[in-house]
């Protein structure tokens, strides 16, 4: 392979790697969409959503309390010892 062709191949490979790097970094960030309709909501709608969230949280808390504690602690390595 001639020297000029080899240099060109190395340059193309380097440019490709540098060009792909920002795409990889952008894929790791969490993309969030802007809340467009948040400002258009009325106070009644916001209050209703807050009440729904509070009721949901309370139901979640009650459901967690109804789960009984196990009498024996679970040991996943029990059979291997």
N, C-alpha and C. Protein backbone atom coordinates (compact mmCIF):
# COMPACT_ATOMS: atom_id res chain seq x y z
N UNK A 1 0.85 -1.17 0.00
CA UNK A 1 0.00 0.00 0.00
C UNK A 1 0.90 1.24 0.00
N UNK A 2 0.66 2.16 -0.91
CA UNK A 2 1.48 3.37 -0.96
C UNK A 2 1.28 4.20 0.32
N UNK A 3 2.27 5.01 0.62
CA UNK A 3 2.27 5.82 1.83
C UNK A 3 1.11 6.81 1.84
N UNK A 4 0.83 7.45 0.72
CA UNK A 4 -0.24 8.45 0.67
C UNK A 4 -1.60 7.79 0.91
N UNK A 5 -1.81 6.60 0.39
CA UNK A 5 -3.07 5.91 0.60
C UNK A 5 -3.22 5.49 2.05
N UNK A 6 -2.13 5.06 2.63
CA UNK A 6 -2.16 4.65 4.03
C UNK A 6 -2.45 5.85 4.94
N UNK A 7 -1.83 6.98 4.66
CA UNK A 7 -2.09 8.19 5.45
C UNK A 7 -3.55 8.62 5.31
N UNK A 8 -4.06 8.52 4.09
CA UNK A 8 -5.45 8.89 3.86
C UNK A 8 -6.39 7.96 4.63
N UNK A 9 -6.11 6.68 4.66
CA UNK A 9 -6.94 5.72 5.39
C UNK A 9 -6.91 6.01 6.89
N UNK A 10 -5.74 6.33 7.40
CA UNK A 10 -5.62 6.67 8.83
C UNK A 10 -6.39 7.95 9.14
N UNK A 11 -6.29 8.94 8.25
CA UNK A 11 -7.00 10.20 8.46
C UNK A 11 -8.52 9.99 8.44
N UNK A 12 -9.00 9.17 7.51
CA UNK A 12 -10.44 8.90 7.42
C UNK A 12 -10.90 8.16 8.68
N UNK A 13 -10.12 7.21 9.15
CA UNK A 13 -10.48 6.48 10.37
C UNK A 13 -10.51 7.42 11.57
N UNK A 14 -9.55 8.31 11.68
CA UNK A 14 -9.50 9.25 12.80
C UNK A 14 -10.69 10.20 12.76
N UNK A 15 -11.00 10.71 11.59
CA UNK A 15 -12.13 11.63 11.45
C UNK A 15 -13.43 10.92 11.79
N UNK A 16 -13.56 9.68 11.37
CA UNK A 16 -14.76 8.91 11.67
C UNK A 16 -14.91 8.69 13.17
N UNK A 17 -13.83 8.33 13.84
CA UNK A 17 -13.91 8.13 15.29
C UNK A 17 -14.24 9.41 16.04
N UNK A 18 -13.64 10.51 15.63
CA UNK A 18 -13.92 11.79 16.27
C UNK A 18 -15.36 12.22 15.97
N UNK A 19 -15.83 11.94 14.78
CA UNK A 19 -17.20 12.30 14.41
C UNK A 19 -18.24 11.50 15.16
N UNK A 20 -17.94 10.25 15.47
CA UNK A 20 -18.91 9.41 16.17
C UNK A 20 -18.90 9.64 17.68
N UNK A 21 -17.86 10.19 18.20
CA UNK A 21 -17.73 10.37 19.64
C UNK A 21 -18.86 11.21 20.25
N UNK A 22 -19.22 12.37 19.72
CA UNK A 22 -20.31 13.14 20.32
C UNK A 22 -21.65 12.39 20.26
N UNK A 23 -21.86 11.59 19.24
CA UNK A 23 -23.10 10.82 19.15
C UNK A 23 -23.21 9.81 20.27
N UNK A 24 -22.11 9.19 20.61
CA UNK A 24 -22.11 8.22 21.70
C UNK A 24 -22.34 8.93 23.02
N UNK A 25 -21.73 10.05 23.22
CA UNK A 25 -21.91 10.79 24.46
C UNK A 25 -23.35 11.30 24.59
N UNK A 26 -23.93 11.73 23.49
CA UNK A 26 -25.31 12.23 23.53
C UNK A 26 -26.29 11.10 23.82
N UNK A 27 -25.96 9.90 23.41
CA UNK A 27 -26.85 8.77 23.65
C UNK A 27 -26.89 8.39 25.13
N UNK A 28 -25.90 8.79 25.89
CA UNK A 28 -25.84 8.45 27.30
C UNK A 28 -26.54 9.47 28.18
N UNK A 29 -26.89 10.61 27.64
CA UNK A 29 -27.57 11.63 28.43
C UNK A 29 -29.06 11.33 28.44
N UNK A 30 -29.71 11.80 29.48
CA UNK A 30 -31.15 11.59 29.59
C UNK A 30 -31.86 12.73 28.88
N UNK A 31 -32.57 12.40 27.84
CA UNK A 31 -33.29 13.41 27.08
C UNK A 31 -34.67 13.61 27.69
N UNK A 32 -35.01 14.83 28.00
CA UNK A 32 -36.32 15.13 28.54
C UNK A 32 -37.02 16.09 27.59
N UNK A 33 -38.28 15.85 27.41
CA UNK A 33 -39.07 16.72 26.56
C UNK A 33 -39.59 17.89 27.37
N UNK A 34 -39.66 19.05 26.79
CA UNK A 34 -40.18 20.20 27.55
C UNK A 34 -41.66 20.03 27.84
N UNK A 35 -42.07 20.52 28.98
CA UNK A 35 -43.48 20.44 29.38
C UNK A 35 -44.21 21.65 28.80
N UNK A 36 -44.75 21.49 27.61
CA UNK A 36 -45.38 22.59 26.90
C UNK A 36 -46.69 22.98 27.55
N UNK A 37 -47.51 22.01 27.93
CA UNK A 37 -48.84 22.30 28.43
C UNK A 37 -48.88 22.59 29.93
N UNK A 38 -47.75 22.57 30.60
CA UNK A 38 -47.72 22.80 32.04
C UNK A 38 -48.22 24.21 32.39
N UNK A 39 -47.89 25.20 31.59
CA UNK A 39 -48.31 26.57 31.88
C UNK A 39 -49.78 26.79 31.56
N UNK A 40 -50.35 26.00 30.71
CA UNK A 40 -51.74 26.18 30.29
C UNK A 40 -52.74 25.56 31.27
N UNK A 41 -52.27 24.80 32.22
CA UNK A 41 -53.17 24.13 33.14
C UNK A 41 -53.69 25.12 34.18
N UNK A 42 -54.94 24.93 34.55
CA UNK A 42 -55.55 25.81 35.54
C UNK A 42 -55.16 25.36 36.94
N UNK A 43 -55.43 26.21 37.91
CA UNK A 43 -55.13 25.88 39.30
C UNK A 43 -55.95 24.67 39.76
N UNK A 44 -57.19 24.57 39.28
CA UNK A 44 -58.03 23.43 39.65
C UNK A 44 -57.44 22.12 39.15
N UNK A 45 -56.92 22.14 37.92
CA UNK A 45 -56.31 20.93 37.36
C UNK A 45 -55.05 20.55 38.13
N UNK A 46 -54.26 21.55 38.48
CA UNK A 46 -53.04 21.28 39.25
C UNK A 46 -53.38 20.73 40.63
N UNK A 47 -54.42 21.29 41.26
CA UNK A 47 -54.82 20.83 42.58
C UNK A 47 -55.39 19.42 42.50
N UNK A 48 -56.16 19.12 41.45
CA UNK A 48 -56.71 17.78 41.29
C UNK A 48 -55.59 16.76 41.10
N UNK A 49 -54.58 17.11 40.33
CA UNK A 49 -53.45 16.21 40.13
C UNK A 49 -52.68 15.99 41.43
N UNK A 50 -52.55 17.05 42.23
CA UNK A 50 -51.86 16.93 43.52
C UNK A 50 -52.64 16.00 44.45
N UNK A 51 -53.97 16.09 44.44
CA UNK A 51 -54.80 15.22 45.26
C UNK A 51 -54.70 13.78 44.79
N UNK A 52 -54.67 13.57 43.48
CA UNK A 52 -54.53 12.21 42.93
C UNK A 52 -53.19 11.61 43.33
N UNK A 53 -52.16 12.42 43.27
CA UNK A 53 -50.82 11.94 43.64
C UNK A 53 -50.77 11.61 45.12
N UNK A 54 -51.39 12.44 45.95
CA UNK A 54 -51.40 12.19 47.39
C UNK A 54 -52.16 10.91 47.70
N UNK A 55 -53.29 10.69 47.02
CA UNK A 55 -54.07 9.47 47.23
C UNK A 55 -53.28 8.24 46.77
N UNK A 56 -52.58 8.37 45.67
CA UNK A 56 -51.77 7.26 45.16
C UNK A 56 -50.63 6.93 46.13
N UNK A 57 -49.99 7.95 46.66
CA UNK A 57 -48.91 7.73 47.63
C UNK A 57 -49.44 7.06 48.90
N UNK A 58 -50.60 7.49 49.34
CA UNK A 58 -51.20 6.89 50.54
C UNK A 58 -51.56 5.43 50.29
N UNK A 59 -52.10 5.12 49.12
CA UNK A 59 -52.43 3.73 48.78
C UNK A 59 -51.18 2.88 48.72
N UNK A 60 -50.10 3.43 48.19
CA UNK A 60 -48.82 2.72 48.12
C UNK A 60 -48.30 2.43 49.53
N UNK A 61 -48.39 3.41 50.40
CA UNK A 61 -47.93 3.24 51.78
C UNK A 61 -48.74 2.16 52.50
N UNK A 62 -50.08 2.18 52.32
CA UNK A 62 -50.93 1.19 52.96
C UNK A 62 -50.65 -0.21 52.42
N UNK A 63 -50.40 -0.32 51.12
CA UNK A 63 -50.10 -1.62 50.53
C UNK A 63 -48.80 -2.17 51.08
N UNK A 64 -47.83 -1.32 51.32
CA UNK A 64 -46.56 -1.76 51.88
C UNK A 64 -46.70 -2.22 53.32
N UNK A 65 -47.60 -1.61 54.06
CA UNK A 65 -47.80 -1.99 55.45
C UNK A 65 -48.52 -3.33 55.57
N UNK A 66 -49.31 -3.71 54.57
CA UNK A 66 -50.07 -4.95 54.65
C UNK A 66 -49.24 -6.19 54.34
N UNK A 67 -48.02 -6.02 53.86
CA UNK A 67 -47.15 -7.16 53.56
C UNK A 67 -46.52 -7.63 54.87
N UNK A 68 -46.73 -8.88 55.24
CA UNK A 68 -46.17 -9.35 56.52
C UNK A 68 -44.66 -9.55 56.43
N UNK A 69 -43.99 -9.41 57.55
CA UNK A 69 -42.56 -9.65 57.62
C UNK A 69 -42.31 -11.15 57.64
N UNK A 70 -41.29 -11.63 56.93
CA UNK A 70 -41.02 -13.07 56.95
C UNK A 70 -40.49 -13.52 58.31
N UNK A 71 -40.85 -14.75 58.68
CA UNK A 71 -40.41 -15.27 59.98
C UNK A 71 -38.93 -15.63 59.96
N UNK A 72 -38.47 -16.14 58.83
CA UNK A 72 -37.05 -16.46 58.70
C UNK A 72 -36.47 -15.60 57.60
N UNK A 73 -35.24 -15.22 57.79
CA UNK A 73 -34.57 -14.41 56.80
C UNK A 73 -34.20 -15.27 55.60
N UNK A 74 -34.43 -14.78 54.40
CA UNK A 74 -34.12 -15.52 53.18
C UNK A 74 -32.61 -15.54 52.96
N UNK A 75 -32.07 -16.73 52.71
CA UNK A 75 -30.65 -16.89 52.47
C UNK A 75 -30.45 -17.56 51.11
N UNK A 76 -30.07 -16.81 50.08
CA UNK A 76 -29.92 -17.41 48.75
C UNK A 76 -28.75 -18.38 48.65
N UNK A 77 -27.79 -18.31 49.57
CA UNK A 77 -26.62 -19.19 49.54
C UNK A 77 -26.78 -20.39 50.47
N UNK A 78 -27.96 -20.62 50.96
CA UNK A 78 -28.22 -21.66 51.94
C UNK A 78 -27.77 -23.05 51.46
N UNK A 79 -28.11 -23.41 50.25
CA UNK A 79 -27.78 -24.73 49.73
C UNK A 79 -26.33 -24.88 49.30
N UNK A 80 -25.61 -23.80 49.15
CA UNK A 80 -24.24 -23.90 48.68
C UNK A 80 -23.23 -23.97 49.83
N UNK A 81 -23.66 -23.72 51.03
CA UNK A 81 -22.73 -23.74 52.17
C UNK A 81 -22.64 -25.10 52.79
